[in-house]
Amino acid sequence: MNENTQGMKASELIDALSDEFEIDEERAREVALERIQKNQMPIYLRALIGIGSFVSAGFLLLFVGVTLGIDESSIFGVGLFHVICAIPLYLYSRKIEQHTPLEAFLTFFSFALILSGKIMCVAGFSEAFDPDDELGASLIINIIFTCVTYPIYSLYMDRFISFTSCLVMALFWVMEQMSWPEEITTIAFFSLVAPLAFIMMIHPRVTRTFRPVSIGLLSTSIGLAVAITGISPGILQVADMLKNSQISIDDLMVIISAPVVMLFVSVYVMVWACGGK
């Protein structure tokens, strides 16, 4: 068997094994595709192909817009068409030989299409249907497209951008609906997002499929932390504001919730790192 298999390709070896044993050929080909080391293209070449694919998508947008004379009310339909076209392009790029110029171009081109399509769908929905709550409607559309494309379109950057944009839009929508002070809303949102981000980053049951979600939560947490340092009052300022009745007890509880929550998260991380459960 060893002499016969020398110099064989992975596909030929799988075919030979399937003749003698009952194996799942499709699964075996997927594993072989993941495990076999291939010469990847240089980063600069992938960057050039990526730029070219984005330029191609831009020219396609311009061509469609000029040729069809699309107005603002039709942007949603054009964006939906782009999303529909991007998915089969990406699925086809996963089936062909990986780490080739064709695979890289199709991947980046489909990403440019789906990214521009989602932006047009979110922005064009308000123009086409004129909802009362434009931000809330745009958030719902963004969530719908993210949930629909997430299990199908598995490109890391698309998942990361889609989820993070939903998270940021949700933050601004909560600010608009609750009419809370900016610093209170930011701290409250940080107290919710930061613990979830750390737990998803370190929990062993969180698979690679949801890694873009954890990175999106972590990136949003970092952004909120930077914002908190700039807009939130210091400890001495909080004490003076409390003495002068410029801040309520409820607002004070929200302000101190962020460091308290992060304290518990830090303790949990240290216990987990030491082998605790």
C-alpha atoms as a PDB file:
ATOM      1  CA  MET A   1       0.000   0.000   0.000  1.00  0.00           C
ATOM      2  CA  ASN A   2       2.824   2.418   0.857  1.00  0.00           C
ATOM      3  CA  GLU A   3       4.621   1.761  -2.443  1.00  0.00           C
ATOM      4  CA  ASN A   4       1.437   2.263  -4.429  1.00  0.00           C
ATOM      5  CA  THR A   5       0.519   5.507  -2.665  1.00  0.00           C
ATOM      6  CA  GLN A   6       3.863   7.228  -3.222  1.00  0.00           C
ATOM      7  CA  GLY A   7       3.391  10.220  -5.513  1.00  0.00           C
ATOM      8  CA  MET A   8      -0.399  10.020  -5.394  1.00  0.00           C
ATOM      9  CA  LYS A   9      -2.510  13.117  -5.089  1.00  0.00           C
ATOM     10  CA  ALA A  10      -4.887  13.509  -2.160  1.00  0.00           C
ATOM     11  CA  SER A  11      -7.940  13.050  -4.395  1.00  0.00           C
ATOM     12  CA  GLU A  12      -6.485   9.847  -5.864  1.00  0.00           C
ATOM     13  CA  LEU A  13      -5.697   8.527  -2.389  1.00  0.00           C
ATOM     14  CA  ILE A  14      -9.260   9.237  -1.224  1.00  0.00           C
ATOM     15  CA  ASP A  15     -10.651   7.437  -4.284  1.00  0.00           C
ATOM     16  CA  ALA A  16      -8.407   4.444  -3.607  1.00  0.00           C
ATOM     17  CA  LEU A  17      -9.401   4.281   0.045  1.00  0.00           C
ATOM     18  CA  SER A  18     -13.101   4.602  -0.800  1.00  0.00           C
ATOM     19  CA  ASP A  19     -12.827   1.479  -2.955  1.00  0.00           C
ATOM     20  CA  GLU A  20     -11.601  -0.569   0.010  1.00  0.00           C
ATOM     21  CA  PHE A  21     -13.276   1.142   2.969  1.00  0.00           C
ATOM     22  CA  GLU A  22     -16.534   2.942   3.672  1.00  0.00           C
ATOM     23  CA  ILE A  23     -15.548   6.588   4.093  1.00  0.00           C
ATOM     24  CA  ASP A  24     -17.265   9.920   3.592  1.00  0.00           C
ATOM     25  CA  GLU A  25     -15.528  11.148   0.454  1.00  0.00           C
ATOM     26  CA  GLU A  26     -16.841  14.721   0.647  1.00  0.00           C
ATOM     27  CA  ARG A  27     -15.743  15.099   4.267  1.00  0.00           C
ATOM     28  CA  ALA A  28     -12.362  13.539   3.468  1.00  0.00           C
ATOM     29  CA  ARG A  29     -11.817  16.030   0.650  1.00  0.00           C
ATOM     30  CA  GLU A  30     -12.731  18.919   2.953  1.00  0.00           C
ATOM     31  CA  VAL A  31     -10.241  17.748   5.593  1.00  0.00           C
ATOM     32  CA  ALA A  32      -7.542  17.239   2.971  1.00  0.00           C
ATOM     33  CA  LEU A  33      -8.162  20.723   1.598  1.00  0.00           C
ATOM     34  CA  GLU A  34      -7.761  22.205   5.069  1.00  0.00           C
ATOM     35  CA  ARG A  35      -4.728  20.150   6.129  1.00  0.00           C
ATOM     36  CA  ILE A  36      -2.595  20.125   2.970  1.00  0.00           C
ATOM     37  CA  GLN A  37       0.058  22.828   3.044  1.00  0.00           C
ATOM     38  CA  LYS A  38       0.050  24.957  -0.072  1.00  0.00           C
ATOM     39  CA  ASN A  39       2.213  27.802  -1.224  1.00  0.00           C
ATOM     40  CA  GLN A  40       0.195  30.876  -0.426  1.00  0.00           C
ATOM     41  CA  MET A  41       0.429  33.960  -2.585  1.00  0.00           C
ATOM     42  CA  PRO A  42       2.513  36.860  -1.289  1.00  0.00           C
ATOM     43  CA  ILE A  43       0.665  39.469   0.743  1.00  0.00           C
ATOM     44  CA  TYR A  44       1.408  42.232  -1.758  1.00  0.00           C
ATOM     45  CA  LEU A  45      -0.146  40.190  -4.561  1.00  0.00           C
ATOM     46  CA  ARG A  46      -3.297  39.524  -2.548  1.00  0.00           C
ATOM     47  CA  ALA A  47      -3.446  43.239  -1.697  1.00  0.00           C
ATOM     48  CA  LEU A  48      -3.214  44.180  -5.386  1.00  0.00           C
ATOM     49  CA  ILE A  49      -5.915  41.657  -6.272  1.00  0.00           C
ATOM     50  CA  GLY A  50      -8.083  43.013  -3.446  1.00  0.00           C
ATOM     51  CA  ILE A  51      -7.684  46.587  -4.685  1.00  0.00           C
ATOM     52  CA  GLY A  52      -8.491  45.454  -8.197  1.00  0.00           C
ATOM     53  CA  SER A  53     -11.627  43.650  -7.052  1.00  0.00           C
ATOM     54  CA  PHE A  54     -12.866  46.715  -5.165  1.00  0.00           C
ATOM     55  CA  VAL A  55     -12.200  48.907  -8.208  1.00  0.00           C
ATOM     56  CA  SER A  56     -14.082  46.395 -10.350  1.00  0.00           C
ATOM     57  CA  ALA A  57     -17.025  46.475  -7.958  1.00  0.00           C
ATOM     58  CA  GLY A  58     -16.955  50.292  -8.008  1.00  0.00           C
ATOM     59  CA  PHE A  59     -17.024  50.378 -11.800  1.00  0.00           C
ATOM     60  CA  LEU A  60     -19.861  47.847 -11.740  1.00  0.00           C
ATOM     61  CA  LEU A  61     -21.818  50.101  -9.375  1.00  0.00           C
ATOM     62  CA  LEU A  62     -21.168  53.098 -11.616  1.00  0.00           C
ATOM     63  CA  PHE A  63     -22.098  51.169 -14.759  1.00  0.00           C
ATOM     64  CA  VAL A  64     -25.350  49.878 -13.280  1.00  0.00           C
ATOM     65  CA  GLY A  65     -26.263  53.300 -11.872  1.00  0.00           C
ATOM     66  CA  VAL A  66     -25.611  55.184 -15.112  1.00  0.00           C
ATOM     67  CA  THR A  67     -27.094  52.567 -17.427  1.00  0.00           C
ATOM     68  CA  LEU A  68     -30.297  51.937 -15.497  1.00  0.00           C
ATOM     69  CA  GLY A  69     -30.721  55.494 -14.227  1.00  0.00           C
ATOM     70  CA  ILE A  70     -31.293  54.325 -10.654  1.00  0.00           C
ATOM     71  CA  ASP A  71     -32.890  56.828  -8.306  1.00  0.00           C
ATOM     72  CA  GLU A  72     -32.805  56.884  -4.507  1.00  0.00           C
ATOM     73  CA  SER A  73     -35.924  54.736  -4.172  1.00  0.00           C
ATOM     74  CA  SER A  74     -34.302  51.900  -6.153  1.00  0.00           C
ATOM     75  CA  ILE A  75     -31.074  51.694  -4.145  1.00  0.00           C
ATOM     76  CA  PHE A  76     -32.510  48.969  -1.905  1.00  0.00           C
ATOM     77  CA  GLY A  77     -33.286  46.709  -4.866  1.00  0.00           C
ATOM     78  CA  VAL A  78     -29.846  47.205  -6.396  1.00  0.00           C
ATOM     79  CA  GLY A  79     -28.193  46.447  -3.061  1.00  0.00           C
ATOM     80  CA  LEU A  80     -30.256  43.291  -2.686  1.00  0.00           C
ATOM     81  CA  PHE A  81     -29.184  42.238  -6.180  1.00  0.00           C
ATOM     82  CA  HIS A  82     -25.527  42.733  -5.229  1.00  0.00           C
ATOM     83  CA  VAL A  83     -25.919  40.601  -2.106  1.00  0.00           C
ATOM     84  CA  ILE A  84     -27.607  37.825  -4.076  1.00  0.00           C
ATOM     85  CA  CYS A  85     -24.822  37.854  -6.689  1.00  0.00           C
ATOM     86  CA  ALA A  86     -22.025  37.927  -4.107  1.00  0.00           C
ATOM     87  CA  ILE A  87     -23.053  34.741  -2.295  1.00  0.00           C
ATOM     88  CA  PRO A  88     -22.749  32.262  -5.223  1.00  0.00           C
ATOM     89  CA  LEU A  89     -19.487  33.942  -6.274  1.00  0.00           C
ATOM     90  CA  TYR A  90     -18.022  33.329  -2.836  1.00  0.00           C
ATOM     91  CA  LEU A  91     -19.339  29.759  -2.646  1.00  0.00           C
ATOM     92  CA  TYR A  92     -17.775  29.033  -6.027  1.00  0.00           C
ATOM     93  CA  SER A  93     -14.437  30.499  -4.901  1.00  0.00           C
ATOM     94  CA  ARG A  94     -14.440  28.026  -1.981  1.00  0.00           C
ATOM     95  CA  LYS A  95     -14.776  25.065  -4.350  1.00  0.00           C
ATOM     96  CA  ILE A  96     -11.928  25.898  -6.712  1.00  0.00           C
ATOM     97  CA  GLU A  97      -8.226  25.508  -5.924  1.00  0.00           C
ATOM     98  CA  GLN A  98      -7.268  27.736  -3.014  1.00  0.00           C
ATOM     99  CA  HIS A  99      -4.445  30.307  -2.856  1.00  0.00           C
ATOM    100  CA  THR A 100      -4.648  31.084  -6.567  1.00  0.00           C
ATOM    101  CA  PRO A 101      -5.171  34.479  -8.257  1.00  0.00           C
ATOM    102  CA  LEU A 102      -8.632  33.432  -9.457  1.00  0.00           C
ATOM    103  CA  GLU A 103      -9.713  32.352  -5.973  1.00  0.00           C
ATOM    104  CA  ALA A 104      -8.387  35.567  -4.414  1.00  0.00           C
ATOM    105  CA  PHE A 105     -10.068  37.770  -7.020  1.00  0.00           C
ATOM    106  CA  LEU A 106     -13.441  36.035  -6.702  1.00  0.00           C
ATOM    107  CA  THR A 107     -13.266  36.210  -2.899  1.00  0.00           C
ATOM    108  CA  PHE A 108     -12.405  39.903  -2.781  1.00  0.00           C
ATOM    109  CA  PHE A 109     -14.824  40.773  -5.573  1.00  0.00           C
ATOM    110  CA  SER A 110     -17.680  38.984  -3.817  1.00  0.00           C
ATOM    111  CA  PHE A 111     -16.744  40.764  -0.582  1.00  0.00           C
ATOM    112  CA  ALA A 112     -16.818  44.136  -2.346  1.00  0.00           C
ATOM    113  CA  LEU A 113     -20.214  43.270  -3.798  1.00  0.00           C
ATOM    114  CA  ILE A 114     -21.771  42.082  -0.556  1.00  0.00           C
ATOM    115  CA  LEU A 115     -20.344  44.990   1.447  1.00  0.00           C
ATOM    116  CA  SER A 116     -21.618  47.597  -1.004  1.00  0.00           C
ATOM    117  CA  GLY A 117     -24.899  45.702  -1.298  1.00  0.00           C
ATOM    118  CA  LYS A 118     -25.521  45.672   2.439  1.00  0.00           C
ATOM    119  CA  ILE A 119     -24.691  49.369   2.703  1.00  0.00           C
ATOM    120  CA  MET A 120     -27.127  50.168  -0.104  1.00  0.00           C
ATOM    121  CA  CYS A 121     -29.825  47.978   1.447  1.00  0.00           C
ATOM    122  CA  VAL A 122     -29.497  49.623   4.857  1.00  0.00           C
ATOM    123  CA  ALA A 123     -29.342  53.143   3.428  1.00  0.00           C
ATOM    124  CA  GLY A 124     -31.870  52.549   0.666  1.00  0.00           C
ATOM    125  CA  PHE A 125     -34.564  51.051   2.893  1.00  0.00           C
ATOM    126  CA  SER A 126     -35.240  54.417   4.515  1.00  0.00           C
ATOM    127  CA  GLU A 127     -35.394  56.123   1.128  1.00  0.00           C
ATOM    128  CA  ALA A 128     -37.725  53.516  -0.350  1.00  0.00           C
ATOM    129  CA  PHE A 129     -40.172  53.014   2.533  1.00  0.00           C
ATOM    130  CA  ASP A 130     -39.710  56.199   4.634  1.00  0.00           C
ATOM    131  CA  PRO A 131     -40.256  54.609   8.095  1.00  0.00           C
ATOM    132  CA  ASP A 132     -41.016  56.720  11.147  1.00  0.00           C
ATOM    133  CA  ASP A 133     -37.975  55.431  13.032  1.00  0.00           C
ATOM    134  CA  GLU A 134     -35.265  55.478  10.366  1.00  0.00           C
ATOM    135  CA  LEU A 135     -32.443  54.358  12.643  1.00  0.00           C
ATOM    136  CA  GLY A 136     -34.517  51.542  14.139  1.00  0.00           C
ATOM    137  CA  ALA A 137     -35.616  50.356  10.695  1.00  0.00           C
ATOM    138  CA  SER A 138     -32.047  50.457   9.398  1.00  0.00           C
ATOM    139  CA  LEU A 139     -30.920  48.478  12.448  1.00  0.00           C
ATOM    140  CA  ILE A 140     -33.554  45.798  11.831  1.00  0.00           C
ATOM    141  CA  ILE A 141     -32.568  45.519   8.152  1.00  0.00           C
ATOM    142  CA  ASN A 142     -28.907  45.250   9.108  1.00  0.00           C
ATOM    143  CA  ILE A 143     -29.661  42.535  11.672  1.00  0.00           C
ATOM    144  CA  ILE A 144     -31.759  40.586   9.142  1.00  0.00           C
ATOM    145  CA  PHE A 145     -29.040  40.654   6.487  1.00  0.00           C
ATOM    146  CA  THR A 146     -26.386  39.743   9.062  1.00  0.00           C
ATOM    147  CA  CYS A 147     -28.379  36.750  10.337  1.00  0.00           C
ATOM    148  CA  VAL A 148     -29.174  35.540   6.813  1.00  0.00           C
ATOM    149  CA  THR A 149     -25.656  35.842   5.384  1.00  0.00           C
ATOM    150  CA  TYR A 150     -23.667  34.822   8.494  1.00  0.00           C
ATOM    151  CA  PRO A 151     -24.059  31.023   8.121  1.00  0.00           C
ATOM    152  CA  ILE A 152     -23.740  31.143   4.310  1.00  0.00           C
ATOM    153  CA  TYR A 153     -21.123  33.805   3.609  1.00  0.00           C
ATOM    154  CA  SER A 154     -18.337  32.716   5.941  1.00  0.00           C
ATOM    155  CA  LEU A 155     -15.742  35.366   5.067  1.00  0.00           C
ATOM    156  CA  TYR A 156     -14.236  36.630   8.326  1.00  0.00           C
ATOM    157  CA  MET A 157     -14.218  40.342   7.445  1.00  0.00           C
ATOM    158  CA  ASP A 158     -17.846  40.357   6.341  1.00  0.00           C
ATOM    159  CA  ARG A 159     -18.981  38.673   9.552  1.00  0.00           C
ATOM    160  CA  PHE A 160     -16.895  41.068  11.645  1.00  0.00           C
ATOM    161  CA  ILE A 161     -18.068  44.231   9.871  1.00  0.00           C
ATOM    162  CA  SER A 162     -21.721  43.146   9.784  1.00  0.00           C
ATOM    163  CA  PHE A 163     -21.906  42.245  13.474  1.00  0.00           C
ATOM    164  CA  THR A 164     -19.927  45.277  14.646  1.00  0.00           C
ATOM    165  CA  SER A 165     -22.084  47.640  12.596  1.00  0.00           C
ATOM    166  CA  CYS A 166     -25.208  46.118  14.174  1.00  0.00           C
ATOM    167  CA  LEU A 167     -23.707  46.612  17.627  1.00  0.00           C
ATOM    168  CA  VAL A 168     -22.784  50.254  16.998  1.00  0.00           C
ATOM    169  CA  MET A 169     -26.160  51.033  15.437  1.00  0.00           C
ATOM    170  CA  ALA A 170     -27.876  49.438  18.440  1.00  0.00           C
ATOM    171  CA  LEU A 171     -25.882  51.712  20.751  1.00  0.00           C
ATOM    172  CA  PHE A 172     -26.973  54.859  18.921  1.00  0.00           C
ATOM    173  CA  TRP A 173     -30.576  53.612  18.733  1.00  0.00           C
ATOM    174  CA  VAL A 174     -30.645  53.030  22.507  1.00  0.00           C
ATOM    175  CA  MET A 175     -29.240  56.522  23.039  1.00  0.00           C
ATOM    176  CA  GLU A 176     -31.983  57.948  20.852  1.00  0.00           C
ATOM    177  CA  GLN A 177     -34.826  55.989  22.444  1.00  0.00           C
ATOM    178  CA  MET A 178     -33.871  56.214  26.118  1.00  0.00           C
ATOM    179  CA  SER A 179     -32.859  59.890  26.061  1.00  0.00           C
ATOM    180  CA  TRP A 180     -30.161  59.148  28.629  1.00  0.00           C
ATOM    181  CA  PRO A 181     -27.045  61.300  28.996  1.00  0.00           C
ATOM    182  CA  GLU A 182     -24.278  60.257  26.642  1.00  0.00           C
ATOM    183  CA  GLU A 183     -21.881  59.221  29.390  1.00  0.00           C
ATOM    184  CA  ILE A 184     -24.528  57.133  31.201  1.00  0.00           C
ATOM    185  CA  THR A 185     -25.512  55.258  28.035  1.00  0.00           C
ATOM    186  CA  THR A 186     -21.889  54.634  27.079  1.00  0.00           C
ATOM    187  CA  ILE A 187     -21.003  53.240  30.507  1.00  0.00           C
ATOM    188  CA  ALA A 188     -24.121  51.062  30.651  1.00  0.00           C
ATOM    189  CA  PHE A 189     -23.417  49.643  27.195  1.00  0.00           C
ATOM    190  CA  PHE A 190     -19.778  49.008  28.124  1.00  0.00           C
ATOM    191  CA  SER A 191     -20.885  47.143  31.265  1.00  0.00           C
ATOM    192  CA  LEU A 192     -22.896  44.793  29.051  1.00  0.00           C
ATOM    193  CA  VAL A 193     -20.551  44.383  26.093  1.00  0.00           C
ATOM    194  CA  ALA A 194     -17.155  44.069  27.806  1.00  0.00           C
ATOM    195  CA  PRO A 195     -17.940  41.006  29.994  1.00  0.00           C
ATOM    196  CA  LEU A 196     -19.587  39.238  27.078  1.00  0.00           C
ATOM    197  CA  ALA A 197     -16.555  39.973  24.888  1.00  0.00           C
ATOM    198  CA  PHE A 198     -14.083  38.530  27.389  1.00  0.00           C
ATOM    199  CA  ILE A 199     -16.198  35.453  28.065  1.00  0.00           C
ATOM    200  CA  MET A 200     -16.577  34.701  24.346  1.00  0.00           C
ATOM    201  CA  MET A 201     -12.847  35.195  23.800  1.00  0.00           C
ATOM    202  CA  ILE A 202     -11.771  32.667  26.435  1.00  0.00           C
ATOM    203  CA  HIS A 203     -14.659  30.205  26.647  1.00  0.00           C
ATOM    204  CA  PRO A 204     -13.647  26.850  25.134  1.00  0.00           C
ATOM    205  CA  ARG A 205     -17.124  26.129  23.762  1.00  0.00           C
ATOM    206  CA  VAL A 206     -17.130  29.210  21.531  1.00  0.00           C
ATOM    207  CA  THR A 207     -16.156  27.852  18.122  1.00  0.00           C
ATOM    208  CA  ARG A 208     -14.222  29.616  15.378  1.00  0.00           C
ATOM    209  CA  THR A 209     -17.510  30.316  13.637  1.00  0.00           C
ATOM    210  CA  PHE A 210     -18.318  32.933  16.262  1.00  0.00           C
ATOM    211  CA  ARG A 211     -14.807  34.373  16.552  1.00  0.00           C
ATOM    212  CA  PRO A 212     -15.790  37.445  14.436  1.00  0.00           C
ATOM    213  CA  VAL A 213     -18.551  38.091  16.985  1.00  0.00           C
ATOM    214  CA  SER A 214     -16.121  37.994  19.902  1.00  0.00           C
ATOM    215  CA  ILE A 215     -13.651  40.243  18.065  1.00  0.00           C
ATOM    216  CA  GLY A 216     -16.482  42.648  17.249  1.00  0.00           C
ATOM    217  CA  LEU A 217     -17.527  42.743  20.897  1.00  0.00           C
ATOM    218  CA  LEU A 218     -13.925  43.298  21.961  1.00  0.00           C
ATOM    219  CA  SER A 219     -13.383  46.079  19.410  1.00  0.00           C
ATOM    220  CA  THR A 220     -16.584  47.808  20.489  1.00  0.00           C
ATOM    221  CA  SER A 221     -15.554  47.460  24.139  1.00  0.00           C
ATOM    222  CA  ILE A 222     -12.214  49.114  23.411  1.00  0.00           C
ATOM    223  CA  GLY A 223     -13.953  51.953  21.591  1.00  0.00           C
ATOM    224  CA  LEU A 224     -16.401  52.429  24.453  1.00  0.00           C
ATOM    225  CA  ALA A 225     -13.550  52.356  26.984  1.00  0.00           C
ATOM    226  CA  VAL A 226     -11.748  55.109  25.081  1.00  0.00           C
ATOM    227  CA  ALA A 227     -14.973  57.123  24.953  1.00  0.00           C
ATOM    228  CA  ILE A 228     -15.565  56.633  28.681  1.00  0.00           C
ATOM    229  CA  THR A 229     -12.141  58.030  29.551  1.00  0.00           C
ATOM    230  CA  GLY A 230     -12.969  61.188  27.636  1.00  0.00           C
ATOM    231  CA  ILE A 231     -16.556  61.896  28.672  1.00  0.00           C
ATOM    232  CA  SER A 232     -16.995  60.351  32.119  1.00  0.00           C
ATOM    233  CA  PRO A 233     -16.247  62.339  35.274  1.00  0.00           C
ATOM    234  CA  GLY A 234     -13.384  61.338  37.557  1.00  0.00           C
ATOM    235  CA  ILE A 235     -13.766  59.980  41.085  1.00  0.00           C
ATOM    236  CA  LEU A 236     -13.288  63.392  42.709  1.00  0.00           C
ATOM    237  CA  GLN A 237     -15.727  65.005  40.280  1.00  0.00           C
ATOM    238  CA  VAL A 238     -18.345  62.343  41.021  1.00  0.00           C
ATOM    239  CA  ALA A 239     -17.999  62.974  44.761  1.00  0.00           C
ATOM    240  CA  ASP A 240     -18.456  66.725  44.284  1.00  0.00           C
ATOM    241  CA  MET A 241     -21.435  66.206  41.974  1.00  0.00           C
ATOM    242  CA  LEU A 242     -23.034  63.858  44.512  1.00  0.00           C
ATOM    243  CA  LYS A 243     -22.571  66.386  47.313  1.00  0.00           C
ATOM    244  CA  ASN A 244     -24.079  69.176  45.220  1.00  0.00           C
ATOM    245  CA  SER A 245     -27.016  66.945  44.148  1.00  0.00           C
ATOM    246  CA  GLN A 246     -25.950  67.227  40.510  1.00  0.00           C
ATOM    247  CA  ILE A 247     -26.099  63.479  40.011  1.00  0.00           C
ATOM    248  CA  SER A 248     -28.703  60.971  41.134  1.00  0.00           C
ATOM    249  CA  ILE A 249     -28.067  57.697  42.921  1.00  0.00           C
ATOM    250  CA  ASP A 250     -29.282  55.761  39.864  1.00  0.00           C
ATOM    251  CA  ASP A 251     -26.775  57.511  37.608  1.00  0.00           C
ATOM    252  CA  LEU A 252     -24.053  56.880  40.176  1.00  0.00           C
ATOM    253  CA  MET A 253     -24.854  53.153  40.183  1.00  0.00           C
ATOM    254  CA  VAL A 254     -24.539  53.080  36.398  1.00  0.00           C
ATOM    255  CA  ILE A 255     -21.204  54.918  36.539  1.00  0.00           C
ATOM    256  CA  ILE A 256     -19.669  52.495  39.034  1.00  0.00           C
ATOM    257  CA  SER A 257     -21.129  49.452  37.282  1.00  0.00           C
ATOM    258  CA  ALA A 258     -18.392  49.426  34.633  1.00  0.00           C
ATOM    259  CA  PRO A 259     -15.402  49.032  36.997  1.00  0.00           C
ATOM    260  CA  VAL A 260     -17.333  46.601  39.205  1.00  0.00           C
ATOM    261  CA  VAL A 261     -18.272  44.411  36.254  1.00  0.00           C
ATOM    262  CA  MET A 262     -14.714  44.459  34.921  1.00  0.00           C
ATOM    263  CA  LEU A 263     -13.463  43.473  38.393  1.00  0.00           C
ATOM    264  CA  PHE A 264     -15.649  40.367  38.355  1.00  0.00           C
ATOM    265  CA  VAL A 265     -14.564  39.578  34.785  1.00  0.00           C
ATOM    266  CA  SER A 266     -10.894  39.932  35.742  1.00  0.00           C
ATOM    267  CA  VAL A 267     -11.355  37.607  38.722  1.00  0.00           C
ATOM    268  CA  TYR A 268     -13.147  35.085  36.505  1.00  0.00           C
ATOM    269  CA  VAL A 269     -10.335  35.218  33.923  1.00  0.00           C
ATOM    270  CA  MET A 270      -7.659  34.706  36.595  1.00  0.00           C
ATOM    271  CA  VAL A 271      -9.542  31.780  38.157  1.00  0.00           C
ATOM    272  CA  TRP A 272     -10.080  30.224  34.741  1.00  0.00           C
ATOM    273  CA  ALA A 273      -6.405  30.709  33.811  1.00  0.00           C
ATOM    274  CA  CYS A 274      -5.372  28.964  37.034  1.00  0.00           C
ATOM    275  CA  GLY A 275      -7.415  25.913  36.154  1.00  0.00           C
ATOM    276  CA  GLY A 276     -10.661  26.773  37.921  1.00  0.00           C
ATOM    277  CA  LYS A 277     -14.100  26.178  36.483  1.00  0.00           C
END
